[in-house]
Amino acid sequence: MNNLLNVGYKRDLVQRYDQEAQTLANLTGWSLEDIRRKQPTVEVQTQPEELPWWRNLWGSVRTNVNQWWS
């Protein structure tokens, strides 16, 4: 689950950097390409890492047990 959150965070970060670059270019008149070149790069995985089969098994068992006790 942490990996999925990390992927989502990085995607949001890329969007935020893009918006900040556009705002800075509009306010200052600087070249958008120059601003983007100087920004930090963020690597985003296209696919989250696969969980081992046994994690999926125990995750589903835990969900079923929680449903029994609800």
Protein backbone atom coordinates (compact mmCIF):
# COMPACT_ATOMS: atom_id res chain seq x y z
CA MET A 1 0.00 0.00 0.00
CA ASN A 2 2.86 2.40 0.76
CA ASN A 3 4.15 1.91 -2.76
CA LEU A 4 0.78 2.91 -4.21
CA LEU A 5 0.74 6.02 -2.03
CA ASN A 6 4.28 6.85 -3.14
CA VAL A 7 3.33 6.56 -6.82
CA GLY A 8 0.31 8.81 -6.30
CA TYR A 9 2.38 11.35 -4.40
CA LYS A 10 4.99 11.50 -7.15
CA ARG A 11 2.33 11.94 -9.83
CA ASP A 12 0.85 14.83 -7.85
CA LEU A 13 4.34 16.28 -7.42
CA VAL A 14 4.94 16.27 -11.18
CA GLN A 15 1.66 18.14 -11.70
CA ARG A 16 2.55 20.63 -8.98
CA TYR A 17 5.99 21.29 -10.51
CA ASP A 18 4.36 21.85 -13.89
CA GLN A 19 1.86 24.33 -12.44
CA GLU A 20 4.61 26.16 -10.53
CA ALA A 21 6.75 26.41 -13.66
CA GLN A 22 3.87 27.86 -15.66
CA THR A 23 3.05 30.36 -12.92
CA LEU A 24 6.68 31.46 -12.62
CA ALA A 25 6.97 31.88 -16.39
CA ASN A 26 3.77 33.96 -16.49
CA LEU A 27 4.83 36.19 -13.61
CA THR A 28 8.43 36.76 -14.68
CA GLY A 29 8.40 36.35 -18.46
CA TRP A 30 11.15 33.75 -18.16
CA SER A 31 11.32 30.88 -20.63
CA LEU A 32 9.23 27.90 -19.55
CA GLU A 33 11.86 25.54 -20.97
CA ASP A 34 14.60 27.18 -18.87
CA ILE A 35 12.51 26.90 -15.73
CA ARG A 36 11.71 23.23 -16.36
CA ARG A 37 15.36 22.46 -17.06
CA LYS A 38 16.30 23.81 -13.62
CA GLN A 39 13.53 22.04 -11.72
CA PRO A 40 14.24 18.78 -9.92
CA THR A 41 13.21 15.67 -11.81
CA VAL A 42 10.78 13.17 -10.35
CA GLU A 43 10.74 9.58 -11.55
CA VAL A 44 7.28 8.04 -11.50
CA GLN A 45 6.74 4.32 -11.93
CA THR A 46 4.05 3.52 -14.44
CA GLN A 47 3.17 0.28 -12.67
CA PRO A 48 3.36 -0.21 -8.90
CA GLU A 49 5.48 -3.12 -7.78
CA GLU A 50 3.60 -6.39 -7.59
CA LEU A 51 2.99 -7.79 -4.14
CA PRO A 52 4.04 -11.37 -3.44
CA TRP A 53 1.17 -13.83 -3.82
CA TRP A 54 1.11 -14.53 -0.09
CA ARG A 55 0.54 -10.82 0.70
CA ASN A 56 -2.57 -10.87 -1.45
CA LEU A 57 -3.71 -14.06 0.29
CA TRP A 58 -3.29 -12.71 3.81
CA GLY A 59 -4.74 -9.34 2.87
CA SER A 60 -7.94 -11.01 1.65
CA VAL A 61 -8.12 -13.22 4.75
CA ARG A 62 -7.76 -10.18 7.00
CA THR A 63 -10.56 -8.42 5.10
CA ASN A 64 -12.85 -11.44 5.46
CA VAL A 65 -12.12 -11.77 9.18
CA ASN A 66 -12.87 -8.08 9.71
CA GLN A 67 -16.21 -8.55 7.94
CA TRP A 68 -17.11 -11.45 10.25
CA TRP A 69 -16.50 -9.37 13.37
CA SER A 70 -18.36 -6.29 12.15
